[in-house]
Amino acid sequence: FKFMQGIAERRLFNLPINVPDHSDLMDKADQAIGDAGNSVTDGANQIKKNFEDIKREMFKAKGLLDDGVSIIHSAHESSLQFGQKMGDLFVAFKPLENLFASA
């Protein structure tokens, strides 16, 4: 029936036989739009999954980052203490400066 309907419509509008049937074109367009929509949905779901994976890894990394910050603070404190000790040595040997300068 669809074929006969297409022929009748072509005669009604004087469309040549080699012009694609508009019903087929609409079906193909609907399918293409549906496929594109599915692709977009799949892509959005993949992005969401990737984001969740990244977020999970960042939460895991937070502990490592906290440990790293702790080490950096300790190193900073240690360097301040070392500087203080070196300053104390300088002050302690200050009276001997003339002795070393003349040698």
C-alpha atoms as a PDB file:
ATOM      1  CA  PHE A   1       0.000   0.000   0.000  1.00  0.00           C
ATOM      2  CA  LYS A   2       2.841   2.372   0.831  1.00  0.00           C
ATOM      3  CA  PHE A   3       4.334   1.851  -2.643  1.00  0.00           C
ATOM      4  CA  MET A   4       0.993   2.572  -4.309  1.00  0.00           C
ATOM      5  CA  GLN A   5       0.503   5.613  -2.103  1.00  0.00           C
ATOM      6  CA  GLY A   6       3.938   6.906  -3.132  1.00  0.00           C
ATOM      7  CA  ILE A   7       3.108   6.458  -6.831  1.00  0.00           C
ATOM      8  CA  ALA A   8      -0.222   8.231  -6.386  1.00  0.00           C
ATOM      9  CA  GLU A   9       1.475  11.141  -4.606  1.00  0.00           C
ATOM     10  CA  ARG A  10       4.120  11.396  -7.336  1.00  0.00           C
ATOM     11  CA  ARG A  11       1.374  11.565  -9.980  1.00  0.00           C
ATOM     12  CA  LEU A  12      -0.568  14.067  -7.922  1.00  0.00           C
ATOM     13  CA  PHE A  13       2.460  16.400  -7.628  1.00  0.00           C
ATOM     14  CA  ASN A  14       4.065  15.401 -10.950  1.00  0.00           C
ATOM     15  CA  LEU A  15       7.294  14.207  -9.267  1.00  0.00           C
ATOM     16  CA  PRO A  16       9.643  12.201 -11.473  1.00  0.00           C
ATOM     17  CA  ILE A  17      10.304   8.601 -10.483  1.00  0.00           C
ATOM     18  CA  ASN A  18      14.014   9.276  -9.793  1.00  0.00           C
ATOM     19  CA  VAL A  19      13.197  11.799  -6.991  1.00  0.00           C
ATOM     20  CA  PRO A  20      13.530  10.078  -3.596  1.00  0.00           C
ATOM     21  CA  ASP A  21      10.310   9.293  -1.801  1.00  0.00           C
ATOM     22  CA  HIS A  22       9.664  11.830   0.950  1.00  0.00           C
ATOM     23  CA  SER A  23       8.347   9.130   3.299  1.00  0.00           C
ATOM     24  CA  ASP A  24      11.619   7.212   3.026  1.00  0.00           C
ATOM     25  CA  LEU A  25      13.503  10.447   3.556  1.00  0.00           C
ATOM     26  CA  MET A  26      11.468  11.165   6.696  1.00  0.00           C
ATOM     27  CA  ASP A  27      12.067   7.629   8.012  1.00  0.00           C
ATOM     28  CA  LYS A  28      15.810   7.941   7.379  1.00  0.00           C
ATOM     29  CA  ALA A  29      15.873  11.384   8.995  1.00  0.00           C
ATOM     30  CA  ASP A  30      14.010  10.052  12.048  1.00  0.00           C
ATOM     31  CA  GLN A  31      16.481   7.188  12.300  1.00  0.00           C
ATOM     32  CA  ALA A  32      19.473   9.509  11.907  1.00  0.00           C
ATOM     33  CA  ILE A  33      18.120  11.883  14.551  1.00  0.00           C
ATOM     34  CA  GLY A  34      17.459   8.947  16.868  1.00  0.00           C
ATOM     35  CA  ASP A  35      20.968   7.590  16.293  1.00  0.00           C
ATOM     36  CA  ALA A  36      22.477  11.024  16.896  1.00  0.00           C
ATOM     37  CA  GLY A  37      20.426  11.403  20.071  1.00  0.00           C
ATOM     38  CA  ASN A  38      21.615   8.020  21.282  1.00  0.00           C
ATOM     39  CA  SER A  39      25.215   8.988  20.502  1.00  0.00           C
ATOM     40  CA  VAL A  40      24.846  12.230  22.441  1.00  0.00           C
ATOM     41  CA  THR A  41      23.297  10.372  25.375  1.00  0.00           C
ATOM     42  CA  ASP A  42      26.063   7.757  25.288  1.00  0.00           C
ATOM     43  CA  GLY A  43      28.676  10.507  25.155  1.00  0.00           C
ATOM     44  CA  ALA A  44      27.091  12.361  28.073  1.00  0.00           C
ATOM     45  CA  ASN A  45      26.977   9.159  30.100  1.00  0.00           C
ATOM     46  CA  GLN A  46      30.652   8.510  29.287  1.00  0.00           C
ATOM     47  CA  ILE A  47      31.583  12.037  30.363  1.00  0.00           C
ATOM     48  CA  LYS A  48      29.649  11.568  33.610  1.00  0.00           C
ATOM     49  CA  LYS A  49      31.389   8.228  34.206  1.00  0.00           C
ATOM     50  CA  ASN A  50      34.792   9.780  33.439  1.00  0.00           C
ATOM     51  CA  PHE A  51      34.018  12.669  35.786  1.00  0.00           C
ATOM     52  CA  GLU A  52      33.043  10.227  38.544  1.00  0.00           C
ATOM     53  CA  ASP A  53      36.280   8.285  37.963  1.00  0.00           C
ATOM     54  CA  ILE A  54      38.311  11.496  38.118  1.00  0.00           C
ATOM     55  CA  LYS A  55      36.499  12.622  41.263  1.00  0.00           C
ATOM     56  CA  ARG A  56      37.129   9.251  42.933  1.00  0.00           C
ATOM     57  CA  GLU A  57      40.835   9.418  42.034  1.00  0.00           C
ATOM     58  CA  MET A  58      41.050  12.977  43.368  1.00  0.00           C
ATOM     59  CA  PHE A  59      39.589  11.832  46.688  1.00  0.00           C
ATOM     60  CA  LYS A  60      42.225   9.095  46.795  1.00  0.00           C
ATOM     61  CA  ALA A  61      44.910  11.640  45.951  1.00  0.00           C
ATOM     62  CA  LYS A  62      43.750  13.964  48.729  1.00  0.00           C
ATOM     63  CA  GLY A  63      45.418  11.729  51.321  1.00  0.00           C
ATOM     64  CA  LEU A  64      48.641  11.747  49.344  1.00  0.00           C
ATOM     65  CA  LEU A  65      48.476  15.513  48.961  1.00  0.00           C
ATOM     66  CA  ASP A  66      47.853  15.943  52.691  1.00  0.00           C
ATOM     67  CA  ASP A  67      50.899  13.751  53.435  1.00  0.00           C
ATOM     68  CA  GLY A  68      52.973  15.775  50.959  1.00  0.00           C
ATOM     69  CA  VAL A  69      51.938  19.050  52.565  1.00  0.00           C
ATOM     70  CA  SER A  70      52.837  17.624  55.976  1.00  0.00           C
ATOM     71  CA  ILE A  71      56.310  16.670  54.706  1.00  0.00           C
ATOM     72  CA  ILE A  72      56.797  20.128  53.193  1.00  0.00           C
ATOM     73  CA  HIS A  73      55.817  21.789  56.485  1.00  0.00           C
ATOM     74  CA  SER A  74      58.231  19.530  58.361  1.00  0.00           C
ATOM     75  CA  ALA A  75      61.036  20.332  55.902  1.00  0.00           C
ATOM     76  CA  HIS A  76      60.316  24.045  56.280  1.00  0.00           C
ATOM     77  CA  GLU A  77      60.387  23.813  60.084  1.00  0.00           C
ATOM     78  CA  SER A  78      63.601  21.787  59.907  1.00  0.00           C
ATOM     79  CA  SER A  79      65.254  24.383  57.662  1.00  0.00           C
ATOM     80  CA  LEU A  80      64.196  27.164  60.046  1.00  0.00           C
ATOM     81  CA  GLN A  81      65.687  25.244  62.971  1.00  0.00           C
ATOM     82  CA  PHE A  82      68.890  24.622  60.988  1.00  0.00           C
ATOM     83  CA  GLY A  83      69.105  28.333  60.189  1.00  0.00           C
ATOM     84  CA  GLN A  84      68.639  29.171  63.848  1.00  0.00           C
ATOM     85  CA  LYS A  85      71.439  26.752  64.845  1.00  0.00           C
ATOM     86  CA  MET A  86      73.759  28.196  62.205  1.00  0.00           C
ATOM     87  CA  GLY A  87      72.955  31.687  63.462  1.00  0.00           C
ATOM     88  CA  ASP A  88      73.675  30.591  67.028  1.00  0.00           C
ATOM     89  CA  LEU A  89      77.053  29.169  65.890  1.00  0.00           C
ATOM     90  CA  PHE A  90      77.877  32.449  64.172  1.00  0.00           C
ATOM     91  CA  VAL A  91      77.049  34.384  67.334  1.00  0.00           C
ATOM     92  CA  ALA A  92      79.027  31.899  69.479  1.00  0.00           C
ATOM     93  CA  PHE A  93      82.149  32.231  67.280  1.00  0.00           C
ATOM     94  CA  LYS A  94      81.795  36.009  66.763  1.00  0.00           C
ATOM     95  CA  PRO A  95      84.430  36.747  69.440  1.00  0.00           C
ATOM     96  CA  LEU A  96      86.911  34.599  67.460  1.00  0.00           C
ATOM     97  CA  GLU A  97      86.340  36.539  64.222  1.00  0.00           C
ATOM     98  CA  ASN A  98      89.527  38.588  64.596  1.00  0.00           C
ATOM     99  CA  LEU A  99      91.570  35.460  65.260  1.00  0.00           C
ATOM    100  CA  PHE A 100      90.369  33.786  62.046  1.00  0.00           C
ATOM    101  CA  ALA A 101      90.652  37.002  60.048  1.00  0.00           C
ATOM    102  CA  SER A 102      94.340  37.412  60.905  1.00  0.00           C
ATOM    103  CA  ALA A 103      95.313  33.840  60.014  1.00  0.00           C
END
